[in-house]
């Protein structure tokens, strides 16, 4: 697997999202229900931001704010850094490392294609390396 587009084709295009007016408690509950670390904050088809467990910890818990009284728009990370489907796995990893983000929405011609996480990229890199190792072992044993 060499591109983000191939990764999304394998993992699926579904992205969990929430509206900007929702309260933070609902965002955290949704993340827990779906076993994800972030949600896209969407207004229709438009990506407004990303809200993550990190945002919750730093902007709600550490500041003593109420997750029941604070709207997602108040703590979401924005503007959103996005990638394109043609990015290689390594290029996507470099963007995420340089920008210090854990989730990268993938957008093509203004349309959301999917979302990749650092974990998704690491799994893809490991799978590629395991394939190469197996091929080399097979070649050596011939």
Protein backbone atom coordinates (compact mmCIF):
# COMPACT_ATOMS: atom_id res chain seq x y z
CA UNK A 1 0.00 0.00 0.00
CA UNK A 2 1.62 3.21 -1.04
CA UNK A 3 -0.99 5.99 -1.06
CA UNK A 4 -3.53 7.39 1.35
CA UNK A 5 -6.21 6.66 -1.25
CA UNK A 6 -5.36 2.94 -1.09
CA UNK A 7 -5.42 3.04 2.70
CA UNK A 8 -8.87 4.68 2.72
CA UNK A 9 -10.13 2.10 0.22
CA UNK A 10 -9.08 -0.64 2.65
CA UNK A 11 -10.23 0.94 5.93
CA UNK A 12 -13.37 2.60 4.59
CA UNK A 13 -14.49 6.12 3.86
CA UNK A 14 -16.83 6.55 6.83
CA UNK A 15 -15.89 9.49 9.04
CA UNK A 16 -17.46 10.26 12.40
CA UNK A 17 -18.49 13.88 12.75
CA UNK A 18 -20.39 16.30 14.94
CA UNK A 19 -21.90 19.75 14.51
CA UNK A 20 -20.20 22.86 15.92
CA UNK A 21 -23.15 23.67 18.22
CA UNK A 22 -23.07 20.29 19.98
CA UNK A 23 -21.80 20.26 23.54
CA UNK A 24 -18.38 18.80 24.24
CA UNK A 25 -19.86 16.06 26.42
CA UNK A 26 -21.74 14.69 23.39
CA UNK A 27 -18.54 14.75 21.32
CA UNK A 28 -16.62 12.80 23.97
CA UNK A 29 -19.49 10.31 24.33
CA UNK A 30 -19.55 9.80 20.56
CA UNK A 31 -15.78 9.25 20.47
CA UNK A 32 -16.11 6.65 23.23
CA UNK A 33 -19.01 4.90 21.51
CA UNK A 34 -17.15 4.62 18.20
CA UNK A 35 -13.71 3.97 19.69
CA UNK A 36 -12.12 6.95 17.94
CA UNK A 37 -9.88 9.73 19.19
CA UNK A 38 -11.31 12.58 17.15
CA UNK A 39 -14.36 13.79 15.25
CA UNK A 40 -14.58 16.13 12.33
CA UNK A 41 -16.64 19.21 13.09
CA UNK A 42 -18.90 19.62 10.08
CA UNK A 43 -21.48 22.08 8.84
CA UNK A 44 -23.13 20.10 6.06
CA UNK A 45 -20.29 19.16 3.70
CA UNK A 46 -17.92 21.83 5.04
CA UNK A 47 -15.15 20.84 7.46
CA UNK A 48 -14.97 23.50 10.18
CA UNK A 49 -12.54 21.83 12.55
CA UNK A 50 -11.41 18.72 14.36
CA UNK A 51 -12.23 17.98 17.99
CA UNK A 52 -10.08 15.40 19.72
CA UNK A 53 -9.51 13.82 23.10
CA UNK A 54 -6.46 16.07 23.33
CA UNK A 55 -8.66 19.16 22.84
CA UNK A 56 -10.95 17.90 25.61
CA UNK A 57 -8.08 17.26 28.02
CA UNK A 58 -6.34 20.57 27.41
CA UNK A 59 -9.25 22.93 26.85
CA UNK A 60 -11.89 21.53 29.18
CA UNK A 61 -10.33 19.41 31.93
CA UNK A 62 -7.20 21.48 32.56
CA UNK A 63 -9.14 24.76 32.44
CA UNK A 64 -11.93 23.56 34.73
CA UNK A 65 -14.63 24.12 32.13
CA UNK A 66 -17.89 22.18 31.87
CA UNK A 67 -18.22 19.71 29.02
CA UNK A 68 -22.00 20.01 29.37
CA UNK A 69 -21.97 23.81 28.94
CA UNK A 70 -19.23 24.26 26.33
CA UNK A 71 -19.92 23.96 22.60
CA UNK A 72 -17.59 21.99 20.34
CA UNK A 73 -16.89 25.15 18.28
CA UNK A 74 -15.20 26.67 21.35
CA UNK A 75 -12.52 23.97 21.64
CA UNK A 76 -12.14 22.52 18.13
CA UNK A 77 -8.82 22.81 16.32
CA UNK A 78 -9.16 25.08 13.32
CA UNK A 79 -8.23 25.77 10.57
CA UNK A 80 -8.07 22.14 9.52
CA UNK A 81 -4.95 20.75 7.90
CA UNK A 82 -5.95 18.38 5.11
CA UNK A 83 -4.23 16.03 2.70
CA UNK A 84 -5.03 14.78 -0.76
CA UNK A 85 -5.65 11.14 -1.72
CA UNK A 86 -2.49 10.93 -3.85
CA UNK A 87 -0.21 11.46 -0.84
CA UNK A 88 2.09 8.57 -0.09
CA UNK A 89 1.82 7.05 3.36
CA UNK A 90 5.24 8.54 4.15
CA UNK A 91 4.21 12.02 2.94
CA UNK A 92 1.07 11.90 5.10
CA UNK A 93 3.15 10.82 8.09
CA UNK A 94 5.59 13.69 7.47
CA UNK A 95 2.75 16.25 7.35
CA UNK A 96 1.27 14.92 10.56
CA UNK A 97 4.64 14.86 12.31
CA UNK A 98 5.60 18.37 11.20
CA UNK A 99 2.22 19.86 12.09
CA UNK A 100 1.96 17.81 15.31
CA UNK A 101 -1.47 16.40 14.50
CA UNK A 102 -2.85 12.90 14.90
CA UNK A 103 -5.73 13.01 12.40
CA UNK A 104 -5.63 14.10 8.77
CA UNK A 105 -8.84 14.60 6.78
CA UNK A 106 -8.35 13.63 3.13
CA UNK A 107 -9.99 15.98 0.65
CA UNK A 108 -10.20 15.75 -3.14
CA UNK A 109 -11.55 18.68 -5.15
CA UNK A 110 -13.25 20.10 -2.07
CA UNK A 111 -14.93 16.83 -1.09
CA UNK A 112 -14.13 14.80 2.00
CA UNK A 113 -12.79 11.35 1.04
CA UNK A 114 -11.92 10.01 4.47
CA UNK A 115 -9.82 10.49 7.57
CA UNK A 116 -6.52 8.86 8.47
CA UNK A 117 -4.90 8.70 11.87
CA UNK A 118 -1.29 8.25 12.87
CA UNK A 119 -2.27 4.73 13.94
CA UNK A 120 -3.65 3.97 10.47
CA UNK A 121 -0.39 5.12 8.87
CA UNK A 122 1.79 3.16 11.30
CA UNK A 123 -0.23 -0.01 10.62
CA UNK A 124 0.16 0.51 6.87
CA UNK A 125 3.92 1.02 7.17
CA UNK A 126 4.28 -2.09 9.34
CA UNK A 127 2.22 -4.16 6.88
CA UNK A 128 4.41 -2.96 3.98
CA UNK A 129 7.57 -3.82 5.90
CA UNK A 130 6.27 -7.27 6.83
CA UNK A 131 5.51 -7.93 3.15
CA UNK A 132 9.03 -6.90 2.11
CA UNK A 133 10.57 -9.06 4.86
CA UNK A 134 8.51 -12.08 3.75
CA UNK A 135 9.59 -11.55 0.14
CA UNK A 136 13.24 -11.27 1.14
CA UNK A 137 13.03 -14.40 3.28
CA UNK A 138 11.42 -16.28 0.41
CA UNK A 139 14.19 -15.12 -1.93
CA UNK A 140 16.94 -16.14 0.52
CA UNK A 141 15.50 -19.63 1.02
CA UNK A 142 15.42 -20.40 -2.72
